[in-house]
């Protein structure tokens, strides 16, 4: 299945967390949910991503968000991973990858020339009404959590950022032109006053 589109209702689900407790999306109604899919516990990229979410967890909570990590790993693997890196958020076991499929995060991958099916590293931000707010397909770990925080706190989304960057220089150029014009007008005005005040000007 393709990734869900912003504005669509997010597919509900029920999955066990690292303690064996069943967690459903509907129980987080009224909160933003950062649902991130990752391939495997305690692997290099997944560890960096998890630790980045850990380090910004307080800021994410302050923004009204709950973080849920999802992978095909079992409960014991999640327990070990969460304990080893002191992860303060929930990890969900999607062993049959049904939730990943529902969110478009299960697909064909190529690694060292080998093609296989697996988790596509991706994140879906779900708003308090249970609708998809933004999707990050094929996530690059570096700066990803900062991007999520930016959207949560009202900053430019990944799609809006280039447009905002283009507007910035244009605004600066316009301001510079206005300032130069004002300075020139002041000089011209000062020159006229000086001529009137000098004896030679009578």
C-alpha atoms as a PDB file:
ATOM      1  CA  UNK A   1       0.000   0.000   0.000  1.00  0.00           C
ATOM      2  CA  UNK A   2       1.100   3.595  -0.593  1.00  0.00           C
ATOM      3  CA  UNK A   3       1.856   6.011   2.224  1.00  0.00           C
ATOM      4  CA  UNK A   4      -1.264   7.714   3.614  1.00  0.00           C
ATOM      5  CA  UNK A   5      -1.904  11.240   2.366  1.00  0.00           C
ATOM      6  CA  UNK A   6      -2.097  14.298   4.660  1.00  0.00           C
ATOM      7  CA  UNK A   7      -5.708  14.935   5.607  1.00  0.00           C
ATOM      8  CA  UNK A   8      -6.685  11.260   5.454  1.00  0.00           C
ATOM      9  CA  UNK A   9      -7.791   9.356   8.536  1.00  0.00           C
ATOM     10  CA  UNK A  10      -4.851   7.409   9.955  1.00  0.00           C
ATOM     11  CA  UNK A  11      -5.436   3.627  10.037  1.00  0.00           C
ATOM     12  CA  UNK A  12      -6.155   2.461  13.579  1.00  0.00           C
ATOM     13  CA  UNK A  13      -4.161  -0.430  15.013  1.00  0.00           C
ATOM     14  CA  UNK A  14      -3.508  -2.555  18.074  1.00  0.00           C
ATOM     15  CA  UNK A  15      -0.008  -3.827  18.795  1.00  0.00           C
ATOM     16  CA  UNK A  16       1.868  -5.082  21.885  1.00  0.00           C
ATOM     17  CA  UNK A  17       4.542  -2.818  23.367  1.00  0.00           C
ATOM     18  CA  UNK A  18       7.836  -3.816  25.010  1.00  0.00           C
ATOM     19  CA  UNK A  19       6.021  -4.731  28.241  1.00  0.00           C
ATOM     20  CA  UNK A  20       3.383  -6.881  26.544  1.00  0.00           C
ATOM     21  CA  UNK A  21       0.659  -4.264  26.956  1.00  0.00           C
ATOM     22  CA  UNK A  22      -1.669  -3.754  23.970  1.00  0.00           C
ATOM     23  CA  UNK A  23      -1.475  -0.241  22.541  1.00  0.00           C
ATOM     24  CA  UNK A  24      -3.967   1.241  20.076  1.00  0.00           C
ATOM     25  CA  UNK A  25      -3.848   4.477  18.108  1.00  0.00           C
ATOM     26  CA  UNK A  26      -7.328   5.468  19.310  1.00  0.00           C
ATOM     27  CA  UNK A  27      -6.153   5.719  22.919  1.00  0.00           C
ATOM     28  CA  UNK A  28      -4.108   8.785  21.979  1.00  0.00           C
ATOM     29  CA  UNK A  29      -7.074  10.816  20.726  1.00  0.00           C
ATOM     30  CA  UNK A  30      -6.478  14.486  21.490  1.00  0.00           C
ATOM     31  CA  UNK A  31      -2.693  14.200  21.118  1.00  0.00           C
ATOM     32  CA  UNK A  32      -0.235  14.371  18.255  1.00  0.00           C
ATOM     33  CA  UNK A  33       1.302  10.983  17.516  1.00  0.00           C
ATOM     34  CA  UNK A  34       4.744  10.562  15.980  1.00  0.00           C
ATOM     35  CA  UNK A  35       4.567   7.064  14.491  1.00  0.00           C
ATOM     36  CA  UNK A  36       7.977   6.083  13.205  1.00  0.00           C
ATOM     37  CA  UNK A  37       8.839   2.825  11.436  1.00  0.00           C
ATOM     38  CA  UNK A  38      12.368   1.428  11.609  1.00  0.00           C
ATOM     39  CA  UNK A  39      13.905  -1.836  10.329  1.00  0.00           C
ATOM     40  CA  UNK A  40      15.556  -3.464  13.354  1.00  0.00           C
ATOM     41  CA  UNK A  41      16.450  -2.956  17.012  1.00  0.00           C
ATOM     42  CA  UNK A  42      20.033  -2.135  17.965  1.00  0.00           C
ATOM     43  CA  UNK A  43      21.381  -1.655  14.443  1.00  0.00           C
ATOM     44  CA  UNK A  44      23.474   1.465  13.689  1.00  0.00           C
ATOM     45  CA  UNK A  45      20.935   3.690  11.892  1.00  0.00           C
ATOM     46  CA  UNK A  46      18.002   2.585  14.048  1.00  0.00           C
ATOM     47  CA  UNK A  47      19.977   3.208  17.239  1.00  0.00           C
ATOM     48  CA  UNK A  48      20.920   6.737  16.181  1.00  0.00           C
ATOM     49  CA  UNK A  49      17.312   7.502  15.254  1.00  0.00           C
ATOM     50  CA  UNK A  50      15.964   6.114  18.536  1.00  0.00           C
ATOM     51  CA  UNK A  51      18.514   8.044  20.580  1.00  0.00           C
ATOM     52  CA  UNK A  52      17.660  11.249  18.706  1.00  0.00           C
ATOM     53  CA  UNK A  53      14.002  10.770  19.618  1.00  0.00           C
ATOM     54  CA  UNK A  54      15.128  10.056  23.192  1.00  0.00           C
ATOM     55  CA  UNK A  55      17.223  13.207  23.404  1.00  0.00           C
ATOM     56  CA  UNK A  56      14.354  15.395  22.156  1.00  0.00           C
ATOM     57  CA  UNK A  57      11.625  13.523  24.023  1.00  0.00           C
ATOM     58  CA  UNK A  58      10.942  16.351  26.493  1.00  0.00           C
ATOM     59  CA  UNK A  59      10.563  18.856  23.649  1.00  0.00           C
ATOM     60  CA  UNK A  60       8.265  16.467  21.776  1.00  0.00           C
ATOM     61  CA  UNK A  61       6.113  16.002  24.888  1.00  0.00           C
ATOM     62  CA  UNK A  62       6.000  19.768  25.398  1.00  0.00           C
ATOM     63  CA  UNK A  63       4.685  20.037  21.830  1.00  0.00           C
ATOM     64  CA  UNK A  64       1.877  17.654  22.794  1.00  0.00           C
ATOM     65  CA  UNK A  65       3.243  14.607  20.997  1.00  0.00           C
ATOM     66  CA  UNK A  66       3.517  10.917  21.825  1.00  0.00           C
ATOM     67  CA  UNK A  67       6.299   8.914  20.172  1.00  0.00           C
ATOM     68  CA  UNK A  68       5.653   5.345  19.021  1.00  0.00           C
ATOM     69  CA  UNK A  69       8.418   3.321  17.388  1.00  0.00           C
ATOM     70  CA  UNK A  70       7.363   0.357  15.238  1.00  0.00           C
ATOM     71  CA  UNK A  71       9.445  -2.536  13.913  1.00  0.00           C
ATOM     72  CA  UNK A  72       8.960  -6.280  13.217  1.00  0.00           C
ATOM     73  CA  UNK A  73      11.067  -7.152  16.303  1.00  0.00           C
ATOM     74  CA  UNK A  74       9.488  -9.097  19.164  1.00  0.00           C
ATOM     75  CA  UNK A  75       8.718  -7.891  22.678  1.00  0.00           C
ATOM     76  CA  UNK A  76      11.948  -9.210  24.252  1.00  0.00           C
ATOM     77  CA  UNK A  77      14.067  -7.518  21.595  1.00  0.00           C
ATOM     78  CA  UNK A  78      12.243  -4.238  22.222  1.00  0.00           C
ATOM     79  CA  UNK A  79      12.745  -4.597  25.991  1.00  0.00           C
ATOM     80  CA  UNK A  80      16.473  -5.094  25.563  1.00  0.00           C
ATOM     81  CA  UNK A  81      16.771  -2.203  23.087  1.00  0.00           C
ATOM     82  CA  UNK A  82      14.760   0.212  25.267  1.00  0.00           C
ATOM     83  CA  UNK A  83      16.714  -0.718  28.406  1.00  0.00           C
ATOM     84  CA  UNK A  84      20.138  -0.533  26.752  1.00  0.00           C
ATOM     85  CA  UNK A  85      19.587   3.012  25.475  1.00  0.00           C
ATOM     86  CA  UNK A  86      17.157   4.293  28.158  1.00  0.00           C
ATOM     87  CA  UNK A  87      14.421   4.954  25.605  1.00  0.00           C
ATOM     88  CA  UNK A  88      11.531   6.799  27.317  1.00  0.00           C
ATOM     89  CA  UNK A  89       8.927   6.074  24.640  1.00  0.00           C
ATOM     90  CA  UNK A  90       6.887   3.073  23.491  1.00  0.00           C
ATOM     91  CA  UNK A  91       8.185   0.474  21.046  1.00  0.00           C
ATOM     92  CA  UNK A  92       5.577  -1.630  19.259  1.00  0.00           C
ATOM     93  CA  UNK A  93       6.031  -5.150  17.855  1.00  0.00           C
ATOM     94  CA  UNK A  94       4.606  -5.463  14.354  1.00  0.00           C
ATOM     95  CA  UNK A  95       5.870  -9.004  13.801  1.00  0.00           C
ATOM     96  CA  UNK A  96       3.532  -9.698  10.893  1.00  0.00           C
ATOM     97  CA  UNK A  97       4.158  -6.189   9.460  1.00  0.00           C
ATOM     98  CA  UNK A  98       0.418  -5.580   9.034  1.00  0.00           C
ATOM     99  CA  UNK A  99       0.558  -2.050  10.463  1.00  0.00           C
ATOM    100  CA  UNK A 100       3.639  -1.249   8.398  1.00  0.00           C
ATOM    101  CA  UNK A 101       1.732  -2.383   5.303  1.00  0.00           C
ATOM    102  CA  UNK A 102      -1.291  -0.253   6.229  1.00  0.00           C
ATOM    103  CA  UNK A 103       0.971   2.803   6.465  1.00  0.00           C
ATOM    104  CA  UNK A 104       2.981   2.091   3.313  1.00  0.00           C
ATOM    105  CA  UNK A 105       6.114   1.362   5.342  1.00  0.00           C
ATOM    106  CA  UNK A 106       6.564  -2.210   4.066  1.00  0.00           C
ATOM    107  CA  UNK A 107       8.043  -2.623   0.631  1.00  0.00           C
ATOM    108  CA  UNK A 108      10.800  -3.808  -1.650  1.00  0.00           C
ATOM    109  CA  UNK A 109      14.348  -2.948  -0.614  1.00  0.00           C
ATOM    110  CA  UNK A 110      17.736  -3.494  -2.205  1.00  0.00           C
ATOM    111  CA  UNK A 111      20.880  -4.078  -0.158  1.00  0.00           C
ATOM    112  CA  UNK A 112      24.235  -5.147  -1.586  1.00  0.00           C
ATOM    113  CA  UNK A 113      22.484  -6.252  -4.759  1.00  0.00           C
ATOM    114  CA  UNK A 114      19.927  -8.352  -2.888  1.00  0.00           C
ATOM    115  CA  UNK A 115      16.243  -7.511  -3.297  1.00  0.00           C
ATOM    116  CA  UNK A 116      13.878  -8.322  -0.448  1.00  0.00           C
ATOM    117  CA  UNK A 117      10.782  -7.074   1.388  1.00  0.00           C
ATOM    118  CA  UNK A 118      11.250  -5.094   4.566  1.00  0.00           C
ATOM    119  CA  UNK A 119      10.516  -1.980   6.610  1.00  0.00           C
ATOM    120  CA  UNK A 120      10.977   1.344   4.832  1.00  0.00           C
ATOM    121  CA  UNK A 121      12.309   3.822   7.370  1.00  0.00           C
ATOM    122  CA  UNK A 122       9.540   6.394   7.536  1.00  0.00           C
ATOM    123  CA  UNK A 123       7.526   8.580   9.897  1.00  0.00           C
ATOM    124  CA  UNK A 124       3.881   9.584   9.985  1.00  0.00           C
ATOM    125  CA  UNK A 125       2.704  12.524  12.097  1.00  0.00           C
ATOM    126  CA  UNK A 126      -0.910  12.099  13.191  1.00  0.00           C
ATOM    127  CA  UNK A 127      -2.880  15.052  14.546  1.00  0.00           C
ATOM    128  CA  UNK A 128      -5.125  15.096  17.675  1.00  0.00           C
ATOM    129  CA  UNK A 129      -8.168  14.241  15.522  1.00  0.00           C
ATOM    130  CA  UNK A 130      -6.548  11.078  14.197  1.00  0.00           C
ATOM    131  CA  UNK A 131      -5.779  12.471  10.760  1.00  0.00           C
ATOM    132  CA  UNK A 132      -2.456  12.320   8.951  1.00  0.00           C
ATOM    133  CA  UNK A 133      -0.704  15.673   9.234  1.00  0.00           C
ATOM    134  CA  UNK A 134       2.572  14.872   7.484  1.00  0.00           C
ATOM    135  CA  UNK A 135       4.509  11.921   6.098  1.00  0.00           C
ATOM    136  CA  UNK A 136       8.279  11.510   5.832  1.00  0.00           C
ATOM    137  CA  UNK A 137       8.914   8.600   3.418  1.00  0.00           C
ATOM    138  CA  UNK A 138      12.405   7.101   3.245  1.00  0.00           C
ATOM    139  CA  UNK A 139      13.718   9.012   6.252  1.00  0.00           C
ATOM    140  CA  UNK A 140      17.315  10.161   6.478  1.00  0.00           C
ATOM    141  CA  UNK A 141      18.229   9.862  10.165  1.00  0.00           C
ATOM    142  CA  UNK A 142      20.282  13.047  10.410  1.00  0.00           C
ATOM    143  CA  UNK A 143      18.145  16.067  11.430  1.00  0.00           C
ATOM    144  CA  UNK A 144      14.923  14.045  11.099  1.00  0.00           C
ATOM    145  CA  UNK A 145      13.748  14.608  14.677  1.00  0.00           C
ATOM    146  CA  UNK A 146      14.405  18.346  14.275  1.00  0.00           C
ATOM    147  CA  UNK A 147      12.166  18.329  11.183  1.00  0.00           C
ATOM    148  CA  UNK A 148       9.380  16.627  13.126  1.00  0.00           C
ATOM    149  CA  UNK A 149       9.717  19.137  15.976  1.00  0.00           C
ATOM    150  CA  UNK A 150       9.630  22.019  13.513  1.00  0.00           C
ATOM    151  CA  UNK A 151       6.282  20.873  12.116  1.00  0.00           C
ATOM    152  CA  UNK A 152       4.874  20.245  15.602  1.00  0.00           C
ATOM    153  CA  UNK A 153       5.821  23.728  16.771  1.00  0.00           C
ATOM    154  CA  UNK A 154       4.446  25.467  13.706  1.00  0.00           C
ATOM    155  CA  UNK A 155       7.640  25.774  11.679  1.00  0.00           C
ATOM    156  CA  UNK A 156       7.938  25.187   7.945  1.00  0.00           C
ATOM    157  CA  UNK A 157       7.380  21.626   6.804  1.00  0.00           C
ATOM    158  CA  UNK A 158       9.912  19.872   4.615  1.00  0.00           C
ATOM    159  CA  UNK A 159       7.882  20.830   1.539  1.00  0.00           C
ATOM    160  CA  UNK A 160       7.505  24.465   2.614  1.00  0.00           C
ATOM    161  CA  UNK A 161      11.135  24.980   3.604  1.00  0.00           C
ATOM    162  CA  UNK A 162      12.544  25.587   0.078  1.00  0.00           C
ATOM    163  CA  UNK A 163       9.828  28.175  -0.619  1.00  0.00           C
ATOM    164  CA  UNK A 164      10.543  29.901   2.665  1.00  0.00           C
ATOM    165  CA  UNK A 165      14.253  29.941   1.853  1.00  0.00           C
ATOM    166  CA  UNK A 166      13.559  31.613  -1.502  1.00  0.00           C
ATOM    167  CA  UNK A 167      11.366  34.277   0.092  1.00  0.00           C
ATOM    168  CA  UNK A 168      14.015  35.137   2.676  1.00  0.00           C
ATOM    169  CA  UNK A 169      16.628  36.605   0.256  1.00  0.00           C
ATOM    170  CA  UNK A 170      13.895  38.438  -1.696  1.00  0.00           C
ATOM    171  CA  UNK A 171      12.652  40.142   1.473  1.00  0.00           C
ATOM    172  CA  UNK A 172      16.205  41.109   2.435  1.00  0.00           C
ATOM    173  CA  UNK A 173      16.860  42.556  -1.023  1.00  0.00           C
ATOM    174  CA  UNK A 174      13.636  44.584  -0.888  1.00  0.00           C
ATOM    175  CA  UNK A 175      14.503  45.910   2.560  1.00  0.00           C
ATOM    176  CA  UNK A 176      17.995  46.867   1.377  1.00  0.00           C
ATOM    177  CA  UNK A 177      16.591  48.726  -1.646  1.00  0.00           C
ATOM    178  CA  UNK A 178      14.132  50.633   0.574  1.00  0.00           C
ATOM    179  CA  UNK A 179      16.894  51.566   3.020  1.00  0.00           C
ATOM    180  CA  UNK A 180      19.159  52.799   0.209  1.00  0.00           C
ATOM    181  CA  UNK A 181      16.314  54.852  -1.255  1.00  0.00           C
ATOM    182  CA  UNK A 182      15.569  56.449   2.119  1.00  0.00           C
ATOM    183  CA  UNK A 183      19.254  57.307   2.648  1.00  0.00           C
ATOM    184  CA  UNK A 184      19.474  58.925  -0.797  1.00  0.00           C
ATOM    185  CA  UNK A 185      16.349  61.008  -0.126  1.00  0.00           C
ATOM    186  CA  UNK A 186      17.774  62.208   3.198  1.00  0.00           C
ATOM    187  CA  UNK A 187      21.048  63.246   1.531  1.00  0.00           C
ATOM    188  CA  UNK A 188      19.181  65.136  -1.191  1.00  0.00           C
ATOM    189  CA  UNK A 189      17.019  66.909   1.396  1.00  0.00           C
ATOM    190  CA  UNK A 190      20.069  67.814   3.501  1.00  0.00           C
ATOM    191  CA  UNK A 191      21.826  69.259   0.448  1.00  0.00           C
ATOM    192  CA  UNK A 192      18.869  71.579  -0.307  1.00  0.00           C
ATOM    193  CA  UNK A 193      18.785  72.885   3.285  1.00  0.00           C
ATOM    194  CA  UNK A 194      22.517  73.581   3.185  1.00  0.00           C
ATOM    195  CA  UNK A 195      22.193  75.634  -0.029  1.00  0.00           C
ATOM    196  CA  UNK A 196      19.428  77.795   1.449  1.00  0.00           C
ATOM    197  CA  UNK A 197      21.410  78.473   4.610  1.00  0.00           C
ATOM    198  CA  UNK A 198      24.690  79.495   2.847  1.00  0.00           C
ATOM    199  CA  UNK A 199      25.308  83.186   1.805  1.00  0.00           C
ATOM    200  CA  UNK A 200      26.023  82.092  -1.729  1.00  0.00           C
ATOM    201  CA  UNK A 201      22.604  80.627  -1.948  1.00  0.00           C
ATOM    202  CA  UNK A 202      20.784  83.999  -1.530  1.00  0.00           C
END
